[in-house]
């Protein structure tokens, strides 16, 4: 009876010791909080179509070429 009690007490201490150090001795790792980034606003649309800009530059080049002659 004395050996059974001693073995039971030793087993209880061994199990409780393992459970107490189950996490290890390393520092806790804290994950960074999740940050939801707001999407950038769309750039404002130009009031002038790019086609008109190209036509204007072409017209200016033609006028400059005609003026040189």
PDB file of N, CA and C in Angstrom:
ATOM      1  N   UNK A   1       0.826  -1.199   0.000  1.00  0.00           N
ATOM      2  CA  UNK A   1       0.000   0.000   0.000  1.00  0.00           C
ATOM      3  C   UNK A   1       0.862   1.251   0.000  1.00  0.00           C
ATOM      4  N   UNK A   2       1.955   1.223   0.668  1.00  0.00           N
ATOM      5  CA  UNK A   2       2.834   2.377   0.761  1.00  0.00           C
ATOM      6  C   UNK A   2       3.454   2.681  -0.602  1.00  0.00           C
ATOM      7  N   UNK A   3       3.849   1.658  -1.374  1.00  0.00           N
ATOM      8  CA  UNK A   3       4.448   1.861  -2.691  1.00  0.00           C
ATOM      9  C   UNK A   3       3.405   2.409  -3.661  1.00  0.00           C
ATOM     10  N   UNK A   4       2.181   1.938  -3.587  1.00  0.00           N
ATOM     11  CA  UNK A   4       1.120   2.407  -4.477  1.00  0.00           C
ATOM     12  C   UNK A   4       0.843   3.890  -4.249  1.00  0.00           C
ATOM     13  N   UNK A   5       0.806   4.297  -3.000  1.00  0.00           N
ATOM     14  CA  UNK A   5       0.569   5.704  -2.677  1.00  0.00           C
ATOM     15  C   UNK A   5       1.727   6.567  -3.169  1.00  0.00           C
ATOM     16  N   UNK A   6       2.940   6.085  -3.009  1.00  0.00           N
ATOM     17  CA  UNK A   6       4.112   6.833  -3.449  1.00  0.00           C
ATOM     18  C   UNK A   6       4.135   6.951  -4.972  1.00  0.00           C
ATOM     19  N   UNK A   7       3.823   5.845  -5.671  1.00  0.00           N
ATOM     20  CA  UNK A   7       3.785   5.877  -7.130  1.00  0.00           C
ATOM     21  C   UNK A   7       2.671   6.799  -7.642  1.00  0.00           C
ATOM     22  N   UNK A   8       1.542   6.780  -6.992  1.00  0.00           N
ATOM     23  CA  UNK A   8       0.435   7.647  -7.393  1.00  0.00           C
ATOM     24  C   UNK A   8       0.803   9.114  -7.186  1.00  0.00           C
ATOM     25  N   UNK A   9       1.451   9.426  -6.086  1.00  0.00           N
ATOM     26  CA  UNK A   9       1.871  10.804  -5.815  1.00  0.00           C
ATOM     27  C   UNK A   9       2.940  11.240  -6.811  1.00  0.00           C
ATOM     28  N   UNK A  10       3.884  10.344  -7.137  1.00  0.00           N
ATOM     29  CA  UNK A  10       4.933  10.680  -8.104  1.00  0.00           C
ATOM     30  C   UNK A  10       4.346  10.890  -9.495  1.00  0.00           C
ATOM     31  N   UNK A  11       3.384  10.065  -9.872  1.00  0.00           N
ATOM     32  CA  UNK A  11       2.742  10.211 -11.178  1.00  0.00           C
ATOM     33  C   UNK A  11       1.970  11.525 -11.257  1.00  0.00           C
ATOM     34  N   UNK A  12       1.284  11.882 -10.183  1.00  0.00           N
ATOM     35  CA  UNK A  12       0.530  13.142 -10.170  1.00  0.00           C
ATOM     36  C   UNK A  12       1.470  14.335 -10.276  1.00  0.00           C
ATOM     37  N   UNK A  13       2.592  14.292  -9.594  1.00  0.00           N
ATOM     38  CA  UNK A  13       3.563  15.386  -9.682  1.00  0.00           C
ATOM     39  C   UNK A  13       4.184  15.467 -11.075  1.00  0.00           C
ATOM     40  N   UNK A  14       4.476  14.312 -11.680  1.00  0.00           N
ATOM     41  CA  UNK A  14       5.077  14.300 -13.013  1.00  0.00           C
ATOM     42  C   UNK A  14       4.119  14.872 -14.044  1.00  0.00           C
ATOM     43  N   UNK A  15       2.848  14.479 -13.963  1.00  0.00           N
ATOM     44  CA  UNK A  15       1.858  14.977 -14.926  1.00  0.00           C
ATOM     45  C   UNK A  15       1.628  16.468 -14.735  1.00  0.00           C
ATOM     46  N   UNK A  16       1.547  16.929 -13.512  1.00  0.00           N
ATOM     47  CA  UNK A  16       1.306  18.357 -13.283  1.00  0.00           C
ATOM     48  C   UNK A  16       2.522  19.186 -13.698  1.00  0.00           C
ATOM     49  N   UNK A  17       3.711  18.646 -13.556  1.00  0.00           N
ATOM     50  CA  UNK A  17       4.920  19.364 -13.976  1.00  0.00           C
ATOM     51  C   UNK A  17       4.991  19.503 -15.483  1.00  0.00           C
ATOM     52  N   UNK A  18       4.575  18.465 -16.215  1.00  0.00           N
ATOM     53  CA  UNK A  18       4.578  18.535 -17.683  1.00  0.00           C
ATOM     54  C   UNK A  18       3.527  19.525 -18.158  1.00  0.00           C
ATOM     55  N   UNK A  19       2.364  19.512 -17.547  1.00  0.00           N
ATOM     56  CA  UNK A  19       1.293  20.408 -17.961  1.00  0.00           C
ATOM     57  C   UNK A  19       1.655  21.864 -17.670  1.00  0.00           C
ATOM     58  N   UNK A  20       2.407  22.098 -16.597  1.00  0.00           N
ATOM     59  CA  UNK A  20       2.766  23.469 -16.246  1.00  0.00           C
ATOM     60  C   UNK A  20       3.762  24.060 -17.226  1.00  0.00           C
ATOM     61  N   UNK A  21       4.643  23.230 -17.806  1.00  0.00           N
ATOM     62  CA  UNK A  21       5.639  23.757 -18.732  1.00  0.00           C
ATOM     63  C   UNK A  21       5.344  23.350 -20.178  1.00  0.00           C
ATOM     64  N   UNK A  22       4.099  23.062 -20.493  1.00  0.00           N
ATOM     65  CA  UNK A  22       3.743  22.618 -21.838  1.00  0.00           C
ATOM     66  C   UNK A  22       3.998  23.709 -22.866  1.00  0.00           C
ATOM     67  N   UNK A  23       3.908  24.960 -22.479  1.00  0.00           N
ATOM     68  CA  UNK A  23       4.112  26.059 -23.420  1.00  0.00           C
ATOM     69  C   UNK A  23       5.563  26.357 -23.676  1.00  0.00           C
ATOM     70  N   UNK A  24       6.456  25.819 -22.888  1.00  0.00           N
ATOM     71  CA  UNK A  24       7.876  26.089 -23.063  1.00  0.00           C
ATOM     72  C   UNK A  24       8.267  27.381 -22.374  1.00  0.00           C
ATOM     73  N   UNK A  25       9.533  27.718 -22.499  1.00  0.00           N
ATOM     74  CA  UNK A  25      10.060  28.896 -21.822  1.00  0.00           C
ATOM     75  C   UNK A  25      10.228  30.087 -22.765  1.00  0.00           C
ATOM     76  N   UNK A  26       9.832  29.925 -24.012  1.00  0.00           N
ATOM     77  CA  UNK A  26       9.996  31.005 -24.992  1.00  0.00           C
ATOM     78  C   UNK A  26       9.013  32.127 -24.697  1.00  0.00           C
ATOM     79  N   UNK A  27       9.382  33.316 -25.151  1.00  0.00           N
ATOM     80  CA  UNK A  27       8.504  34.464 -24.989  1.00  0.00           C
ATOM     81  C   UNK A  27       7.264  34.292 -25.865  1.00  0.00           C
ATOM     82  N   UNK A  28       6.175  34.889 -25.443  1.00  0.00           N
ATOM     83  CA  UNK A  28       4.961  34.837 -26.238  1.00  0.00           C
ATOM     84  C   UNK A  28       5.152  35.634 -27.520  1.00  0.00           C
ATOM     85  N   UNK A  29       4.615  35.119 -28.596  1.00  0.00           N
ATOM     86  CA  UNK A  29       4.696  35.807 -29.879  1.00  0.00           C
ATOM     87  C   UNK A  29       3.373  36.505 -30.107  1.00  0.00           C
ATOM     88  N   UNK A  30       3.426  37.812 -30.138  1.00  0.00           N
ATOM     89  CA  UNK A  30       2.213  38.591 -30.373  1.00  0.00           C
ATOM     90  C   UNK A  30       2.129  38.908 -31.858  1.00  0.00           C
ATOM     91  N   UNK A  31       1.033  38.536 -32.481  1.00  0.00           N
ATOM     92  CA  UNK A  31       0.860  38.833 -33.898  1.00  0.00           C
ATOM     93  C   UNK A  31       0.442  40.289 -34.064  1.00  0.00           C
ATOM     94  N   UNK A  32       0.900  40.876 -35.157  1.00  0.00           N
ATOM     95  CA  UNK A  32       0.553  42.270 -35.430  1.00  0.00           C
ATOM     96  C   UNK A  32      -0.934  42.364 -35.747  1.00  0.00           C
ATOM     97  N   UNK A  33      -1.576  43.428 -35.303  1.00  0.00           N
ATOM     98  CA  UNK A  33      -3.004  43.571 -35.615  1.00  0.00           C
ATOM     99  C   UNK A  33      -3.212  43.780 -37.112  1.00  0.00           C
ATOM    100  N   UNK A  34      -4.321  43.308 -37.599  1.00  0.00           N
ATOM    101  CA  UNK A  34      -4.649  43.431 -39.017  1.00  0.00           C
ATOM    102  C   UNK A  34      -5.167  44.844 -39.268  1.00  0.00           C
ATOM    103  N   UNK A  35      -4.555  45.518 -40.224  1.00  0.00           N
ATOM    104  CA  UNK A  35      -4.958  46.876 -40.564  1.00  0.00           C
ATOM    105  C   UNK A  35      -5.527  46.858 -41.975  1.00  0.00           C
ATOM    106  N   UNK A  36      -6.746  47.321 -42.125  1.00  0.00           N
ATOM    107  CA  UNK A  36      -7.381  47.364 -43.433  1.00  0.00           C
ATOM    108  C   UNK A  36      -7.060  48.712 -44.062  1.00  0.00           C
ATOM    109  N   UNK A  37      -6.362  48.672 -45.183  1.00  0.00           N
ATOM    110  CA  UNK A  37      -5.974  49.910 -45.856  1.00  0.00           C
ATOM    111  C   UNK A  37      -7.124  50.381 -46.743  1.00  0.00           C
ATOM    112  N   UNK A  38      -7.406  51.644 -46.649  1.00  0.00           N
ATOM    113  CA  UNK A  38      -8.441  52.228 -47.490  1.00  0.00           C
ATOM    114  C   UNK A  38      -7.904  52.355 -48.910  1.00  0.00           C
ATOM    115  N   UNK A  39      -8.693  52.010 -49.912  1.00  0.00           N
ATOM    116  CA  UNK A  39      -8.203  52.163 -51.283  1.00  0.00           C
ATOM    117  C   UNK A  39      -8.027  53.641 -51.630  1.00  0.00           C
ATOM    118  N   UNK A  40      -6.999  53.912 -52.442  1.00  0.00           N
ATOM    119  CA  UNK A  40      -6.737  55.295 -52.837  1.00  0.00           C
ATOM    120  C   UNK A  40      -7.861  55.783 -53.735  1.00  0.00           C
ATOM    121  N   UNK A  41      -8.269  57.028 -53.556  1.00  0.00           N
ATOM    122  CA  UNK A  41      -9.342  57.535 -54.412  1.00  0.00           C
ATOM    123  C   UNK A  41      -8.868  57.624 -55.868  1.00  0.00           C
ATOM    124  N   UNK A  42      -9.780  57.404 -56.765  1.00  0.00           N
ATOM    125  CA  UNK A  42      -9.452  57.464 -58.186  1.00  0.00           C
ATOM    126  C   UNK A  42      -9.088  58.907 -58.552  1.00  0.00           C
ATOM    127  N   UNK A  43      -8.097  59.075 -59.405  1.00  0.00           N
ATOM    128  CA  UNK A  43      -7.740  60.438 -59.794  1.00  0.00           C
ATOM    129  C   UNK A  43      -8.884  61.096 -60.561  1.00  0.00           C
ATOM    130  N   UNK A  44      -8.969  62.384 -60.392  1.00  0.00           N
ATOM    131  CA  UNK A  44     -10.036  63.126 -61.061  1.00  0.00           C
ATOM    132  C   UNK A  44      -9.839  63.060 -62.566  1.00  0.00           C
ATOM    133  N   UNK A  45     -10.922  62.838 -63.267  1.00  0.00           N
ATOM    134  CA  UNK A  45     -10.852  62.737 -64.721  1.00  0.00           C
ATOM    135  C   UNK A  45     -10.620  64.125 -65.320  1.00  0.00           C
ATOM    136  N   UNK A  46      -9.831  64.144 -66.381  1.00  0.00           N
ATOM    137  CA  UNK A  46      -9.550  65.410 -67.049  1.00  0.00           C
ATOM    138  C   UNK A  46     -10.789  65.859 -67.811  1.00  0.00           C
ATOM    139  N   UNK A  47     -10.991  67.159 -67.872  1.00  0.00           N
ATOM    140  CA  UNK A  47     -12.150  67.669 -68.593  1.00  0.00           C
ATOM    141  C   UNK A  47     -11.885  67.720 -70.100  1.00  0.00           C
ATOM    142  N   UNK A  48     -10.616  67.575 -70.509  1.00  0.00           N
ATOM    143  CA  UNK A  48     -10.262  67.614 -71.928  1.00  0.00           C
ATOM    144  C   UNK A  48      -9.850  66.202 -72.348  1.00  0.00           C
ATOM    145  N   UNK A  49     -10.417  65.739 -73.446  1.00  0.00           N
ATOM    146  CA  UNK A  49     -10.088  64.412 -73.955  1.00  0.00           C
ATOM    147  C   UNK A  49      -8.651  64.414 -74.481  1.00  0.00           C
ATOM    148  N   UNK A  50      -7.903  63.338 -74.280  1.00  0.00           N
ATOM    149  CA  UNK A  50      -6.534  63.263 -74.803  1.00  0.00           C
ATOM    150  C   UNK A  50      -6.479  63.369 -76.330  1.00  0.00           C
ATOM    151  N   UNK A  51      -7.552  62.995 -76.992  1.00  0.00           N
ATOM    152  CA  UNK A  51      -7.601  63.110 -78.460  1.00  0.00           C
ATOM    153  C   UNK A  51      -7.485  64.566 -78.885  1.00  0.00           C
ATOM    154  N   UNK A  52      -8.155  65.461 -78.167  1.00  0.00           N
ATOM    155  CA  UNK A  52      -8.074  66.884 -78.506  1.00  0.00           C
ATOM    156  C   UNK A  52      -6.666  67.430 -78.276  1.00  0.00           C
ATOM    157  N   UNK A  53      -5.987  66.931 -77.270  1.00  0.00           N
ATOM    158  CA  UNK A  53      -4.618  67.391 -77.002  1.00  0.00           C
ATOM    159  C   UNK A  53      -3.693  66.976 -78.138  1.00  0.00           C
ATOM    160  N   UNK A  54      -3.830  65.718 -78.594  1.00  0.00           N
ATOM    161  CA  UNK A  54      -3.002  65.242 -79.706  1.00  0.00           C
ATOM    162  C   UNK A  54      -3.300  66.038 -80.974  1.00  0.00           C
ATOM    163  N   UNK A  55      -4.579  66.282 -81.251  1.00  0.00           N
ATOM    164  CA  UNK A  55      -4.941  67.064 -82.438  1.00  0.00           C
ATOM    165  C   UNK A  55      -4.421  68.501 -82.339  1.00  0.00           C
ATOM    166  N   UNK A  56      -4.451  69.070 -81.144  1.00  0.00           N
ATOM    167  CA  UNK A  56      -3.949  70.428 -80.958  1.00  0.00           C
ATOM    168  C   UNK A  56      -2.445  70.512 -81.185  1.00  0.00           C
ATOM    169  N   UNK A  57      -1.694  69.535 -80.675  1.00  0.00           N
ATOM    170  CA  UNK A  57      -0.247  69.525 -80.884  1.00  0.00           C
ATOM    171  C   UNK A  57       0.069  69.338 -82.356  1.00  0.00           C
ATOM    172  N   UNK A  58      -0.662  68.429 -83.029  1.00  0.00           N
ATOM    173  CA  UNK A  58      -0.452  68.198 -84.464  1.00  0.00           C
ATOM    174  C   UNK A  58      -0.760  69.462 -85.265  1.00  0.00           C
ATOM    175  N   UNK A  59      -1.830  70.154 -84.926  1.00  0.00           N
ATOM    176  CA  UNK A  59      -2.183  71.386 -85.621  1.00  0.00           C
ATOM    177  C   UNK A  59      -1.116  72.442 -85.393  1.00  0.00           C
ATOM    178  N   UNK A  60      -0.590  72.540 -84.180  1.00  0.00           N
ATOM    179  CA  UNK A  60       0.451  73.514 -83.884  1.00  0.00           C
ATOM    180  C   UNK A  60       1.729  73.210 -84.677  1.00  0.00           C
ATOM    181  N   UNK A  61       2.067  71.928 -84.828  1.00  0.00           N
ATOM    182  CA  UNK A  61       3.237  71.561 -85.631  1.00  0.00           C
ATOM    183  C   UNK A  61       3.027  71.888 -87.107  1.00  0.00           C
ATOM    184  N   UNK A  62       1.811  71.641 -87.626  1.00  0.00           N
ATOM    185  CA  UNK A  62       1.528  71.964 -89.020  1.00  0.00           C
ATOM    186  C   UNK A  62       1.561  73.471 -89.276  1.00  0.00           C
ATOM    187  N   UNK A  63       1.054  74.251 -88.339  1.00  0.00           N
ATOM    188  CA  UNK A  63       1.071  75.716 -88.477  1.00  0.00           C
ATOM    189  C   UNK A  63       2.515  76.218 -88.433  1.00  0.00           C
ATOM    190  N   UNK A  64       3.323  75.636 -87.501  1.00  0.00           N
ATOM    191  CA  UNK A  64       4.711  76.058 -87.397  1.00  0.00           C
ATOM    192  C   UNK A  64       5.498  75.682 -88.654  1.00  0.00           C
ATOM    193  N   UNK A  65       5.204  74.524 -89.233  1.00  0.00           N
ATOM    194  CA  UNK A  65       5.890  74.113 -90.464  1.00  0.00           C
ATOM    195  C   UNK A  65       5.470  74.988 -91.628  1.00  0.00           C
ATOM    196  N   UNK A  66       4.190  75.388 -91.694  1.00  0.00           N
ATOM    197  CA  UNK A  66       3.707  76.228 -92.784  1.00  0.00           C
ATOM    198  C   UNK A  66       4.250  77.652 -92.650  1.00  0.00           C
ATOM    199  N   UNK A  67       4.466  78.109 -91.438  1.00  0.00           N
ATOM    200  CA  UNK A  67       4.946  79.459 -91.232  1.00  0.00           C
ATOM    201  C   UNK A  67       6.414  79.593 -91.611  1.00  0.00           C
ATOM    202  N   UNK A  68       7.204  78.506 -91.554  1.00  0.00           N
ATOM    203  CA  UNK A  68       8.619  78.536 -91.896  1.00  0.00           C
ATOM    204  C   UNK A  68       8.848  78.608 -93.405  1.00  0.00           C
ATOM    205  N   UNK A  69       7.907  78.199 -94.182  1.00  0.00           N
ATOM    206  CA  UNK A  69       8.107  78.168 -95.634  1.00  0.00           C
ATOM    207  C   UNK A  69       7.915  79.491 -96.253  1.00  0.00           C
TER     208      UNK A  69
END
